[in-house]
Amino acid sequence: MNKQQRRLIILIFILILVNIIFFVILNRNYLEGIIEIYVQKYGLIAILILSLLADSMDQPIGPEVPASLGVVFGLNIFLVVLFSVVGSWIASVINYYIGKGYFSDYLKKSYDEEKYNKYSNMFKKYGGWAVFLAAVSPVPWTLFCWLAGSFKMKLKRFFAWGLIPRIFRIFIIVGIVDYFKIFF
């Protein structure tokens, strides 16, 4: 595959991603309704699949949405968190390797060597904190998985700074929903 074909594929991928993001933003209530139907009908398997899908795309609906609905519908909170975390982790690791395999090349070609090295060094220095903040805040998580992979963050470090804190985020949000029996 030559350079132009690779750029075309990356451009198409970015355009599809942007369209998906706009679709999700414009149709959030509709999509949450669909998530509610699937969680009610298929239970824990739906939570696993929807959590995986939520963390596979860079969009505003996180894995805590299907997990919270599972708790509202009376599913066991610990199983709900477990299935949600497993789906989130699978998507996160896939996105990490997408960043490592494809996004890294894109970044190297987008910036001159000096800028790329500057950003790479900055991510090596502060990347753990950036991944941690993305894991526990409403910042879109997928981009940080890509960055962690593209700047060659060790997988163990990615787990420690991102995936373990992700458990706490999901558990705290689902716990609040379970305690108050309300869905935001």
Protein backbone atom coordinates (compact mmCIF):
# COMPACT_ATOMS: atom_id res chain seq x y z
CA MET A 1 0.00 0.00 0.00
CA ASN A 2 1.48 3.34 -1.01
CA LYS A 3 1.44 6.60 0.93
CA GLN A 4 -1.58 8.07 -0.89
CA GLN A 5 -3.68 4.96 -0.33
CA ARG A 6 -2.79 4.96 3.37
CA ARG A 7 -3.72 8.64 3.68
CA LEU A 8 -7.02 7.98 1.92
CA ILE A 9 -7.83 5.12 4.29
CA ILE A 10 -6.96 7.28 7.31
CA LEU A 11 -9.07 10.15 5.94
CA ILE A 12 -12.04 7.83 5.36
CA PHE A 13 -11.63 6.40 8.88
CA ILE A 14 -11.57 9.91 10.39
CA LEU A 15 -14.63 10.99 8.38
CA ILE A 16 -16.56 7.90 9.48
CA LEU A 17 -15.53 8.53 13.08
CA VAL A 18 -16.60 12.19 12.91
CA ASN A 19 -19.97 11.17 11.44
CA ILE A 20 -20.49 8.62 14.21
CA ILE A 21 -19.62 11.21 16.87
CA PHE A 22 -22.09 13.74 15.42
CA PHE A 23 -24.77 11.06 15.08
CA VAL A 24 -24.34 10.04 18.72
CA ILE A 25 -24.34 13.64 19.95
CA LEU A 26 -27.45 14.53 17.97
CA ASN A 27 -29.29 11.31 18.88
CA ARG A 28 -28.14 10.69 22.45
CA ASN A 29 -31.64 10.32 23.95
CA TYR A 30 -32.69 7.95 21.18
CA LEU A 31 -29.55 5.84 21.64
CA GLU A 32 -30.00 5.72 25.42
CA GLY A 33 -33.54 4.44 24.77
CA ILE A 34 -32.15 1.67 22.55
CA ILE A 35 -29.56 0.82 25.20
CA GLU A 36 -32.35 0.61 27.78
CA ILE A 37 -34.31 -1.83 25.61
CA TYR A 38 -31.30 -4.10 25.06
CA VAL A 39 -30.28 -4.10 28.72
CA GLN A 40 -33.84 -4.89 29.77
CA LYS A 41 -34.13 -7.69 27.21
CA TYR A 42 -30.66 -9.29 27.26
CA GLY A 43 -29.27 -8.34 30.69
CA LEU A 44 -25.59 -8.87 31.45
CA ILE A 45 -24.59 -9.87 27.92
CA ALA A 46 -26.07 -6.61 26.62
CA ILE A 47 -24.12 -4.70 29.26
CA LEU A 48 -20.88 -6.39 28.16
CA ILE A 49 -21.48 -5.75 24.45
CA LEU A 50 -22.77 -2.19 24.92
CA SER A 51 -19.87 -1.32 27.23
CA LEU A 52 -17.46 -2.68 24.63
CA LEU A 53 -19.16 -0.62 21.91
CA ALA A 54 -19.30 2.51 24.09
CA ASP A 55 -15.56 2.40 24.70
CA SER A 56 -14.76 1.39 21.12
CA MET A 57 -15.81 4.74 19.71
CA ASP A 58 -14.88 8.26 20.65
CA GLN A 59 -18.33 9.49 21.70
CA PRO A 60 -20.06 10.79 24.85
CA ILE A 61 -21.88 7.65 26.04
CA GLY A 62 -19.63 5.65 28.36
CA PRO A 63 -19.92 2.10 29.71
CA GLU A 64 -21.56 3.37 32.88
CA VAL A 65 -24.78 4.10 30.94
CA PRO A 66 -25.67 0.46 30.17
CA ALA A 67 -24.28 -0.60 33.57
CA SER A 68 -26.45 1.93 35.40
CA LEU A 69 -29.51 0.78 33.50
CA GLY A 70 -28.73 -2.81 34.48
CA VAL A 71 -28.76 -1.84 38.15
CA VAL A 72 -31.97 0.17 37.72
CA PHE A 73 -33.57 -2.97 36.23
CA GLY A 74 -32.57 -4.99 39.30
CA LEU A 75 -29.49 -6.85 38.10
CA ASN A 76 -26.78 -7.67 40.66
CA ILE A 77 -24.52 -4.62 41.01
CA PHE A 78 -21.30 -6.65 41.21
CA LEU A 79 -22.09 -8.67 38.09
CA VAL A 80 -23.14 -5.50 36.27
CA VAL A 81 -19.84 -3.79 37.15
CA LEU A 82 -17.87 -6.94 36.22
CA PHE A 83 -19.51 -7.26 32.79
CA SER A 84 -19.21 -3.52 32.15
CA VAL A 85 -15.53 -3.49 33.14
CA VAL A 86 -14.73 -6.53 30.97
CA GLY A 87 -16.41 -4.87 27.95
CA SER A 88 -14.60 -1.60 28.65
CA TRP A 89 -11.24 -3.34 29.07
CA ILE A 90 -11.60 -5.31 25.82
CA ALA A 91 -12.38 -2.12 23.89
CA SER A 92 -9.59 -0.20 25.64
CA VAL A 93 -6.95 -2.82 24.83
CA ILE A 94 -8.13 -2.99 21.20
CA ASN A 95 -7.91 0.82 21.00
CA TYR A 96 -4.46 0.75 22.62
CA TYR A 97 -3.24 -1.61 19.89
CA ILE A 98 -4.94 0.47 17.18
CA GLY A 99 -2.95 3.42 18.50
CA LYS A 100 0.23 1.38 18.62
CA GLY A 101 -0.20 -0.02 15.11
CA TYR A 102 -1.88 2.72 13.09
CA PHE A 103 -2.24 5.99 14.99
CA SER A 104 1.49 6.07 15.73
CA ASP A 105 2.35 6.10 12.02
CA TYR A 106 -0.25 8.79 11.43
CA LEU A 107 1.23 11.01 14.14
CA LYS A 108 4.77 10.50 12.87
CA LYS A 109 3.72 11.56 9.39
CA SER A 110 1.62 14.49 10.61
CA TYR A 111 4.41 16.22 12.50
CA ASP A 112 8.03 16.87 11.76
CA GLU A 113 10.48 14.81 13.79
CA GLU A 114 11.21 17.58 16.29
CA LYS A 115 7.54 18.18 17.16
CA TYR A 116 6.78 14.47 17.27
CA ASN A 117 9.69 13.87 19.67
CA LYS A 118 8.51 16.81 21.80
CA TYR A 119 4.98 15.37 22.07
CA SER A 120 6.32 11.87 22.61
CA ASN A 121 8.57 13.04 25.46
CA MET A 122 5.72 15.03 26.95
CA PHE A 123 3.48 11.95 26.87
CA LYS A 124 6.24 9.83 28.41
CA LYS A 125 6.52 12.36 31.22
CA TYR A 126 2.82 13.17 31.81
CA GLY A 127 1.04 10.40 29.91
CA GLY A 128 0.25 8.36 33.01
CA TRP A 129 -1.60 11.29 34.56
CA ALA A 130 -3.34 12.11 31.27
CA VAL A 131 -4.55 8.51 30.92
CA PHE A 132 -5.62 8.47 34.59
CA LEU A 133 -7.65 11.68 34.23
CA ALA A 134 -9.29 10.41 31.05
CA ALA A 135 -10.14 7.11 32.78
CA VAL A 136 -11.95 8.75 35.70
CA SER A 137 -13.45 11.83 34.04
CA PRO A 138 -15.98 12.42 31.27
CA VAL A 139 -13.17 13.15 28.79
CA PRO A 140 -13.50 10.83 25.74
CA TRP A 141 -11.48 7.75 26.68
CA THR A 142 -10.81 6.28 23.24
CA LEU A 143 -8.43 9.05 22.16
CA PHE A 144 -6.24 8.46 25.21
CA CYS A 145 -6.12 4.73 24.51
CA TRP A 146 -4.88 5.57 21.01
CA LEU A 147 -2.33 8.03 22.37
CA ALA A 148 -1.07 5.53 24.96
CA GLY A 149 -0.52 2.98 22.21
CA SER A 150 0.92 5.41 19.69
CA PHE A 151 3.46 6.84 22.15
CA LYS A 152 4.42 3.30 23.20
CA MET A 153 3.22 3.40 26.81
CA LYS A 154 3.90 -0.03 28.31
CA LEU A 155 0.75 -2.14 28.56
CA LYS A 156 1.33 -2.69 32.32
CA ARG A 157 1.55 1.06 32.81
CA PHE A 158 -1.61 1.53 30.70
CA PHE A 159 -3.42 -0.96 32.96
CA ALA A 160 -2.17 0.76 36.12
CA TRP A 161 -2.91 4.33 35.04
CA GLY A 162 -6.03 3.72 32.95
CA LEU A 163 -7.79 0.44 33.24
CA ILE A 164 -7.68 -0.01 37.01
CA PRO A 165 -8.98 3.55 37.65
CA ARG A 166 -11.70 2.82 35.07
CA ILE A 167 -13.06 0.15 37.44
CA PHE A 168 -13.48 2.75 40.15
CA ARG A 169 -15.24 5.20 37.83
CA ILE A 170 -17.73 2.59 36.67
CA PHE A 171 -18.25 1.23 40.19
CA ILE A 172 -18.78 4.67 41.77
CA ILE A 173 -21.30 5.80 39.14
CA VAL A 174 -23.18 2.50 39.20
CA GLY A 175 -23.06 2.53 43.01
CA ILE A 176 -24.62 6.00 43.12
CA VAL A 177 -27.35 4.90 40.71
CA ASP A 178 -27.93 1.76 42.81
CA TYR A 179 -28.06 3.70 46.07
CA PHE A 180 -30.49 6.35 44.86
CA LYS A 181 -32.29 4.06 42.38
CA ILE A 182 -32.32 6.83 39.79
CA PHE A 183 -30.84 7.04 36.34
CA PHE A 184 -29.35 10.40 35.40
